Amino acid sequence: MRTKHRVRSGSSSSISRRQFISLGVLAPAYLGLLASGGCAGRPAPPIHSLDDLNQPTMIIGGETETVSLRMGQERLPKAKVASYATPLDAYAALQSGKIDAVAYDRPPLEYAAANNELFYVLPDTVGEGHIAVGAPFKNKELMDKVNEFIAQYRADGTYDDMYNRWVKTTSPKMPDIPKPENPINAGNPLVIGNDPQNIPMSYVEADGSWSGFDTEFVQRLALFLNMDYRFESLYYDALFPAIESEKLDLAVGNLDKTPERAETMLFSDDYIDCPAGIMVLKSRWQPLNQVDDSTVKTSSTVSEVSVEQISESENAENSSGKSNTEVL
C-alpha cells in the first residue's frame, strides 16, 4: 500500500529540520558513521555474483516507490524485498546486516561506496532508469523550456562537470550560481518539489542551505528561465501525488519516468544518466574469478623452491658425471 505524506514546506517544520540537518552534518562522512554491528542470527554467506542474491534467504532493500527497487525485485524475484523511507535508512540496514543488498540508482550508490570503504557496487546493472523533471499537464510550455535547458547543459559540458563533481568525488561543494536579477515571475516563485534526503543528489547542509546535484540543476535552470523559485520538501513517494494535484509547478527529485506515471503528469527529457545498480558489503563480495593472493604467493614460492631443487639436483649430477669422467 502506498503511503501518503502531507506536503511540507521548505525545512520549516521541526521534523524536517532535524532530518535534513542530520544529512548535512554527516555528508560526506555520514556513511562511515552508520551502525557497524551485524544483525545477530542472520547468515552472511559470500556473494560470488549477482545471481547469488536471487535466493529466498536474501533481502534486497531500497527506497519506497523507486523504480530501481522494482527493477531489483524483477531481476532477483526469489529474494525478499524491504522498503525504507530514505536511502540513508537502506544504507544503514545494509551495514548493520539487516539486509543483504541495496537496489538503487547508480550515481548515489557510487557516491556511497566512495565514502564508505565497507560498501561495494556490483558491476552489473539491473535496469536502465530514466530520471526526469515532473510537472502537471497544464505546464507544458514551461516543460518545453526545461527541455531546452537540459539539451543545452548536456551539450555545453555543464552536465559532465556536475556529474563528476557530485558523483565521482568525496567532498563536492555547491558552486556560487547567481540568482536571476530581474525574474519574470517576481513575487510568484515556481514551487519546486524535492526530497532533500538523498546524498549527493539533494540534501540540506548544517547551515540550512540546500545542496546536491539536483539543487545545482534547479539553480541553473532558474537562471536559464529567468524565474524565481522556492523548494517544497517532500518524501519521494509524496512528490507524485503533489504533481498530480497541481500543488507543485515542477518536481526535481530523482523522479523515475515510467509509462504509467506519464499518464498522470508531464516528464522532461532525462537530465541525468541513471541506471539502477546493486550495492553489497565489500567483505561479502568474492567474485568467482577472484584468486586468493595468499594462494598465488604460496604457489609461486613452491614453484621457486622446486626450480631451486631441480637446479641443485642437476648441478649435483653434472658434478658427479664430471668427476667420474676424470677418474676414468
Protein backbone atom coordinates (compact mmCIF):
# COMPACT_ATOMS: atom_id res chain seq x y z
CA MET A 1 0.00 0.00 0.00
CA ARG A 2 1.32 3.39 -0.91
CA THR A 3 1.99 5.69 1.99
CA LYS A 4 0.58 9.20 1.69
CA HIS A 5 2.55 12.14 3.03
CA ARG A 6 1.39 15.64 3.65
CA VAL A 7 3.18 18.39 1.76
CA ARG A 8 5.87 20.02 3.87
CA SER A 9 7.21 23.44 3.03
CA GLY A 10 10.97 24.00 2.99
CA SER A 11 12.70 22.91 6.16
CA SER A 12 10.42 24.93 8.39
CA SER A 13 8.95 22.09 10.44
CA SER A 14 10.93 20.71 13.38
CA ILE A 15 10.70 17.19 11.96
CA SER A 16 12.08 18.07 8.55
CA ARG A 17 14.78 20.30 10.00
CA ARG A 18 16.00 17.53 12.30
CA GLN A 19 16.16 15.04 9.41
CA PHE A 20 17.77 17.38 6.94
CA ILE A 21 20.42 18.76 9.28
CA SER A 22 21.45 15.21 10.16
CA LEU A 23 22.25 14.60 6.48
CA GLY A 24 24.14 17.87 6.13
CA VAL A 25 26.28 17.20 9.19
CA LEU A 26 27.10 13.66 8.10
CA ALA A 27 27.81 14.40 4.43
CA PRO A 28 30.12 13.29 3.04
CA ALA A 29 31.41 11.31 6.03
CA TYR A 30 27.92 10.28 7.16
CA LEU A 31 28.25 6.80 5.65
CA GLY A 32 31.17 5.95 7.89
CA LEU A 33 29.10 6.75 10.98
CA LEU A 34 26.34 4.23 10.27
CA ALA A 35 25.81 1.40 12.72
CA SER A 36 28.59 -1.15 12.25
CA GLY A 37 27.24 -4.09 14.22
CA GLY A 38 25.88 -7.08 12.33
CA CYS A 39 22.34 -8.32 12.71
CA ALA A 40 22.53 -11.25 15.11
CA GLY A 41 21.24 -14.54 13.80
CA ARG A 42 21.28 -13.67 10.07
CA PRO A 43 23.72 -15.64 7.93
CA ALA A 44 26.11 -13.66 5.76
CA PRO A 45 27.40 -16.04 3.08
CA PRO A 46 29.84 -14.78 0.44
CA ILE A 47 28.36 -13.28 -2.71
CA HIS A 48 30.09 -14.54 -5.86
CA SER A 49 27.76 -12.98 -8.44
CA LEU A 50 24.53 -11.05 -8.79
CA ASP A 51 22.64 -14.34 -9.10
CA ASP A 52 23.74 -15.34 -5.58
CA LEU A 53 21.33 -12.67 -4.32
CA ASN A 54 18.43 -14.38 -6.08
CA GLN A 55 17.67 -16.65 -3.11
CA PRO A 56 14.70 -16.80 -0.66
CA THR A 57 17.14 -16.21 2.19
CA MET A 58 18.35 -12.89 0.73
CA ILE A 59 16.78 -9.48 1.42
CA ILE A 60 17.07 -6.62 -1.07
CA GLY A 61 16.34 -3.16 0.34
CA GLY A 62 15.71 0.24 -1.20
CA GLU A 63 13.76 3.47 -1.04
CA THR A 64 9.97 3.14 -1.16
CA GLU A 65 8.29 3.59 -4.57
CA THR A 66 11.53 3.82 -6.55
CA VAL A 67 11.78 2.16 -9.94
CA SER A 68 15.30 0.99 -9.07
CA LEU A 69 13.90 -1.09 -6.20
CA ARG A 70 11.28 -2.52 -8.52
CA MET A 71 13.98 -3.36 -11.10
CA GLY A 72 15.99 -5.07 -8.40
CA GLN A 73 12.95 -7.11 -7.42
CA GLU A 74 12.30 -8.10 -11.04
CA ARG A 75 15.94 -9.10 -11.57
CA LEU A 76 16.05 -11.03 -8.27
CA PRO A 77 12.49 -12.39 -7.95
CA LYS A 78 13.30 -15.04 -5.35
CA ALA A 79 14.73 -12.56 -2.84
CA LYS A 80 12.65 -10.79 -0.22
CA VAL A 81 12.22 -7.00 -0.51
CA ALA A 82 12.43 -4.38 2.24
CA SER A 83 11.31 -0.77 1.67
CA TYR A 84 12.78 2.22 3.50
CA ALA A 85 11.70 5.86 3.74
CA THR A 86 15.11 7.19 2.68
CA PRO A 87 18.27 5.84 1.01
CA LEU A 88 20.18 6.52 4.24
CA ASP A 89 17.88 4.08 6.08
CA ALA A 90 18.60 1.42 3.45
CA TYR A 91 22.37 2.02 3.70
CA ALA A 92 22.21 1.68 7.49
CA ALA A 93 20.25 -1.58 7.18
CA LEU A 94 22.89 -2.94 4.79
CA GLN A 95 25.77 -2.02 7.04
CA SER A 96 24.09 -3.48 10.12
CA GLY A 97 23.34 -6.77 8.35
CA LYS A 98 19.56 -6.47 8.31
CA ILE A 99 19.55 -6.74 4.52
CA ASP A 100 21.95 -8.24 2.01
CA ALA A 101 21.93 -5.58 -0.70
CA VAL A 102 20.57 -2.18 -1.69
CA ALA A 103 18.93 -1.65 -5.08
CA TYR A 104 19.11 1.99 -6.09
CA ASP A 105 20.28 4.42 -8.78
CA ARG A 106 23.98 4.01 -9.54
CA PRO A 107 25.09 7.65 -9.01
CA PRO A 108 24.14 7.75 -5.31
CA LEU A 109 25.36 4.18 -4.82
CA GLU A 110 28.74 5.07 -6.32
CA TYR A 111 28.95 8.08 -4.04
CA ALA A 112 28.05 5.92 -1.02
CA ALA A 113 30.76 3.40 -1.87
CA ALA A 114 33.31 6.16 -2.46
CA ASN A 115 32.63 7.47 1.06
CA ASN A 116 32.39 4.17 2.92
CA GLU A 117 35.03 1.50 2.36
CA LEU A 118 32.62 -1.16 3.63
CA PHE A 119 30.36 -0.81 0.56
CA TYR A 120 30.82 -2.16 -2.95
CA VAL A 121 28.68 -1.52 -6.05
CA LEU A 122 28.40 -4.59 -8.26
CA PRO A 123 29.47 -4.09 -11.89
CA ASP A 124 26.09 -5.42 -13.07
CA THR A 125 23.12 -3.14 -13.67
CA VAL A 126 19.57 -4.32 -13.02
CA GLY A 127 17.85 -1.92 -15.40
CA GLU A 128 18.01 1.44 -17.16
CA GLY A 129 16.46 4.25 -15.18
CA HIS A 130 15.07 7.46 -16.67
CA ILE A 131 15.36 10.36 -14.26
CA ALA A 132 13.41 13.44 -15.31
CA VAL A 133 11.71 16.62 -14.14
CA GLY A 134 7.99 16.19 -13.46
CA ALA A 135 5.17 18.75 -13.91
CA PRO A 136 1.37 18.98 -14.11
CA PHE A 137 -0.06 18.75 -17.64
CA LYS A 138 -1.00 22.45 -17.52
CA ASN A 139 2.70 23.38 -17.52
CA LYS A 140 3.59 22.10 -20.97
CA GLU A 141 5.03 25.43 -22.12
CA LEU A 142 7.22 25.53 -19.03
CA MET A 143 8.33 21.95 -19.64
CA ASP A 144 9.35 22.84 -23.19
CA LYS A 145 11.72 25.42 -21.70
CA VAL A 146 13.03 22.84 -19.23
CA ASN A 147 13.88 20.54 -22.14
CA GLU A 148 15.68 23.39 -23.88
CA PHE A 149 17.83 23.82 -20.79
CA ILE A 150 18.55 20.09 -20.49
CA ALA A 151 19.68 19.93 -24.12
CA GLN A 152 21.92 22.96 -23.60
CA TYR A 153 23.55 21.83 -20.35
CA ARG A 154 24.28 18.41 -21.81
CA ALA A 155 25.78 19.90 -24.98
CA ASP A 156 28.00 22.56 -23.39
CA GLY A 157 29.70 20.23 -20.86
CA THR A 158 27.88 21.51 -17.77
CA TYR A 159 26.26 18.12 -17.17
CA ASP A 160 29.56 16.24 -17.34
CA ASP A 161 31.19 18.69 -14.95
CA MET A 162 28.29 18.39 -12.48
CA TYR A 163 28.25 14.59 -12.63
CA ASN A 164 31.98 14.33 -12.00
CA ARG A 165 31.84 16.76 -9.08
CA TRP A 166 28.78 15.33 -7.32
CA VAL A 167 29.17 11.61 -8.02
CA LYS A 168 32.87 10.92 -8.55
CA THR A 169 34.35 12.93 -5.69
CA THR A 170 34.09 12.55 -1.93
CA SER A 171 33.65 16.18 -0.93
CA PRO A 172 31.54 18.00 -3.55
CA LYS A 173 30.75 21.67 -2.97
CA MET A 174 27.97 23.86 -4.28
CA PRO A 175 29.24 26.44 -6.78
CA ASP A 176 28.23 30.07 -6.46
CA ILE A 177 25.42 30.43 -9.01
CA PRO A 178 23.82 33.89 -9.26
CA LYS A 179 20.07 34.34 -8.97
CA PRO A 180 18.07 35.94 -11.78
CA GLU A 181 18.40 39.73 -11.50
CA ASN A 182 15.01 40.63 -12.93
CA PRO A 183 12.91 37.45 -12.78
CA ILE A 184 9.84 37.41 -14.98
CA ASN A 185 7.79 35.91 -12.14
CA ALA A 186 8.87 38.23 -9.32
CA GLY A 187 6.59 37.75 -6.33
CA ASN A 188 5.21 34.49 -7.69
CA PRO A 189 8.05 31.92 -7.48
CA LEU A 190 7.88 28.50 -9.05
CA VAL A 191 7.09 25.85 -6.44
CA ILE A 192 9.56 23.02 -6.99
CA GLY A 193 9.14 19.77 -5.10
CA ASN A 194 12.23 17.96 -3.89
CA ASP A 195 13.20 15.22 -1.43
CA PRO A 196 16.39 16.52 0.24
CA GLN A 197 17.35 13.21 1.84
CA ASN A 198 19.38 11.71 -0.97
CA ILE A 199 23.09 12.48 -0.87
CA PRO A 200 24.63 13.50 -3.25
CA MET A 201 21.56 14.33 -5.34
CA SER A 202 19.81 16.58 -2.85
CA TYR A 203 20.31 17.33 0.83
CA VAL A 204 20.41 20.18 3.34
CA GLU A 205 23.69 21.34 4.89
CA ALA A 206 24.15 22.02 8.60
CA ASP A 207 23.61 25.73 8.00
CA GLY A 208 20.21 25.05 6.41
CA SER A 209 21.31 25.64 2.82
CA TRP A 210 20.27 23.22 0.11
CA SER A 211 22.98 21.28 -1.69
CA GLY A 212 23.49 18.47 -4.18
CA PHE A 213 23.29 17.70 -7.90
CA ASP A 214 19.54 18.37 -8.11
CA THR A 215 19.90 21.63 -6.20
CA GLU A 216 22.56 22.88 -8.59
CA PHE A 217 20.41 21.74 -11.51
CA VAL A 218 17.47 23.79 -10.21
CA GLN A 219 19.63 26.88 -9.65
CA ARG A 220 20.98 26.72 -13.18
CA LEU A 221 17.51 26.04 -14.56
CA ALA A 222 16.07 29.05 -12.72
CA LEU A 223 18.81 31.27 -14.16
CA PHE A 224 18.07 29.92 -17.65
CA LEU A 225 14.34 30.54 -17.21
CA ASN A 226 14.93 33.90 -15.51
CA MET A 227 12.48 32.86 -12.80
CA ASP A 228 12.35 32.81 -9.01
CA TYR A 229 11.61 29.53 -7.24
CA ARG A 230 11.20 28.00 -3.81
CA PHE A 231 11.62 24.40 -2.72
CA GLU A 232 8.81 22.30 -1.27
CA SER A 233 10.38 19.47 0.73
CA LEU A 234 8.61 16.13 0.38
CA TYR A 235 9.32 12.47 0.77
CA TYR A 236 9.97 10.83 -2.57
CA ASP A 237 6.66 8.97 -2.76
CA ALA A 238 4.76 12.17 -1.97
CA LEU A 239 6.14 14.04 -4.99
CA PHE A 240 3.91 12.23 -7.49
CA PRO A 241 0.51 12.96 -5.89
CA ALA A 242 1.64 16.54 -5.28
CA ILE A 243 2.27 16.96 -9.01
CA GLU A 244 -0.99 15.28 -9.99
CA SER A 245 -2.93 17.57 -7.65
CA GLU A 246 -1.10 20.62 -9.11
CA LYS A 247 0.38 21.63 -5.76
CA LEU A 248 3.76 21.87 -7.49
CA ASP A 249 4.90 23.61 -10.65
CA LEU A 250 7.84 21.25 -11.08
CA ALA A 251 9.41 18.34 -9.22
CA VAL A 252 13.17 17.75 -9.35
CA GLY A 253 13.90 14.89 -7.00
CA ASN A 254 15.39 11.89 -8.78
CA LEU A 255 11.98 11.13 -10.30
CA ASP A 256 11.75 7.86 -12.20
CA LYS A 257 9.94 8.31 -15.51
CA THR A 258 7.65 5.40 -16.43
CA PRO A 259 4.85 4.94 -18.99
CA GLU A 260 2.34 4.53 -16.15
CA ARG A 261 3.34 7.78 -14.47
CA ALA A 262 3.40 9.60 -17.82
CA GLU A 263 -0.36 9.07 -17.97
CA THR A 264 -0.85 11.36 -14.97
CA MET A 265 1.86 14.01 -15.43
CA LEU A 266 4.43 15.53 -17.78
CA PHE A 267 8.02 14.39 -17.80
CA SER A 268 11.06 16.14 -19.23
CA ASP A 269 13.89 14.51 -21.12
CA ASP A 270 16.34 12.63 -18.88
CA TYR A 271 18.55 15.13 -17.07
CA ILE A 272 20.98 12.55 -15.64
CA ASP A 273 22.13 9.13 -16.83
CA CYS A 274 20.98 6.81 -14.10
CA PRO A 275 20.98 3.01 -14.49
CA ALA A 276 19.87 1.01 -11.47
CA GLY A 277 22.53 -0.87 -9.52
CA ILE A 278 23.10 -3.14 -6.56
CA MET A 279 25.35 -2.42 -3.55
CA VAL A 280 26.59 -5.01 -1.06
CA LEU A 281 29.09 -5.19 1.77
CA LYS A 282 32.58 -5.37 0.29
CA SER A 283 33.53 -8.08 2.82
CA ARG A 284 30.96 -10.43 1.27
CA TRP A 285 31.87 -9.79 -2.37
CA GLN A 286 34.00 -12.67 -3.65
CA PRO A 287 33.64 -12.95 -7.43
CA LEU A 288 34.21 -16.38 -8.92
CA ASN A 289 37.18 -15.21 -10.98
CA GLN A 290 38.92 -13.73 -7.95
CA VAL A 291 42.08 -15.58 -6.93
CA ASP A 292 43.27 -15.51 -3.34
CA ASP A 293 46.57 -13.61 -3.16
CA SER A 294 47.89 -15.96 -0.48
CA THR A 295 47.32 -18.94 -2.79
CA VAL A 296 49.19 -17.19 -5.60
CA LYS A 297 52.09 -16.36 -3.30
CA THR A 298 52.20 -19.90 -1.91
CA SER A 299 52.16 -21.40 -5.41
CA SER A 300 54.89 -19.03 -6.52
CA THR A 301 57.00 -19.93 -3.52
CA VAL A 302 56.53 -23.65 -4.15
CA SER A 303 57.47 -23.17 -7.81
CA GLU A 304 60.58 -21.21 -6.89
CA VAL A 305 61.61 -23.89 -4.40
CA SER A 306 61.03 -26.62 -6.96
CA VAL A 307 63.16 -24.80 -9.53
CA GLU A 308 65.95 -24.34 -6.99
CA GLN A 309 65.78 -28.02 -6.04
CA ILE A 310 65.91 -29.09 -9.69
CA SER A 311 68.88 -26.79 -10.34
CA GLU A 312 70.72 -28.15 -7.33
CA SER A 313 69.99 -31.71 -8.43
CA GLU A 314 71.20 -31.04 -11.97
CA ASN A 315 74.35 -29.40 -10.66
CA ALA A 316 74.98 -32.38 -8.44
CA GLU A 317 74.51 -34.78 -11.35
CA ASN A 318 76.80 -32.73 -13.58
CA SER A 319 79.42 -32.58 -10.88
CA SER A 320 79.15 -36.32 -10.34
CA GLY A 321 79.41 -37.02 -14.06
CA LYS A 322 82.42 -34.79 -14.43
CA SER A 323 84.24 -36.47 -11.55
CA ASN A 324 83.64 -39.93 -12.95
CA THR A 325 84.99 -38.87 -16.32
CA GLU A 326 88.10 -37.50 -14.71
CA VAL A 327 88.60 -40.71 -12.75
CA LEU A 328 88.28 -42.73 -15.88
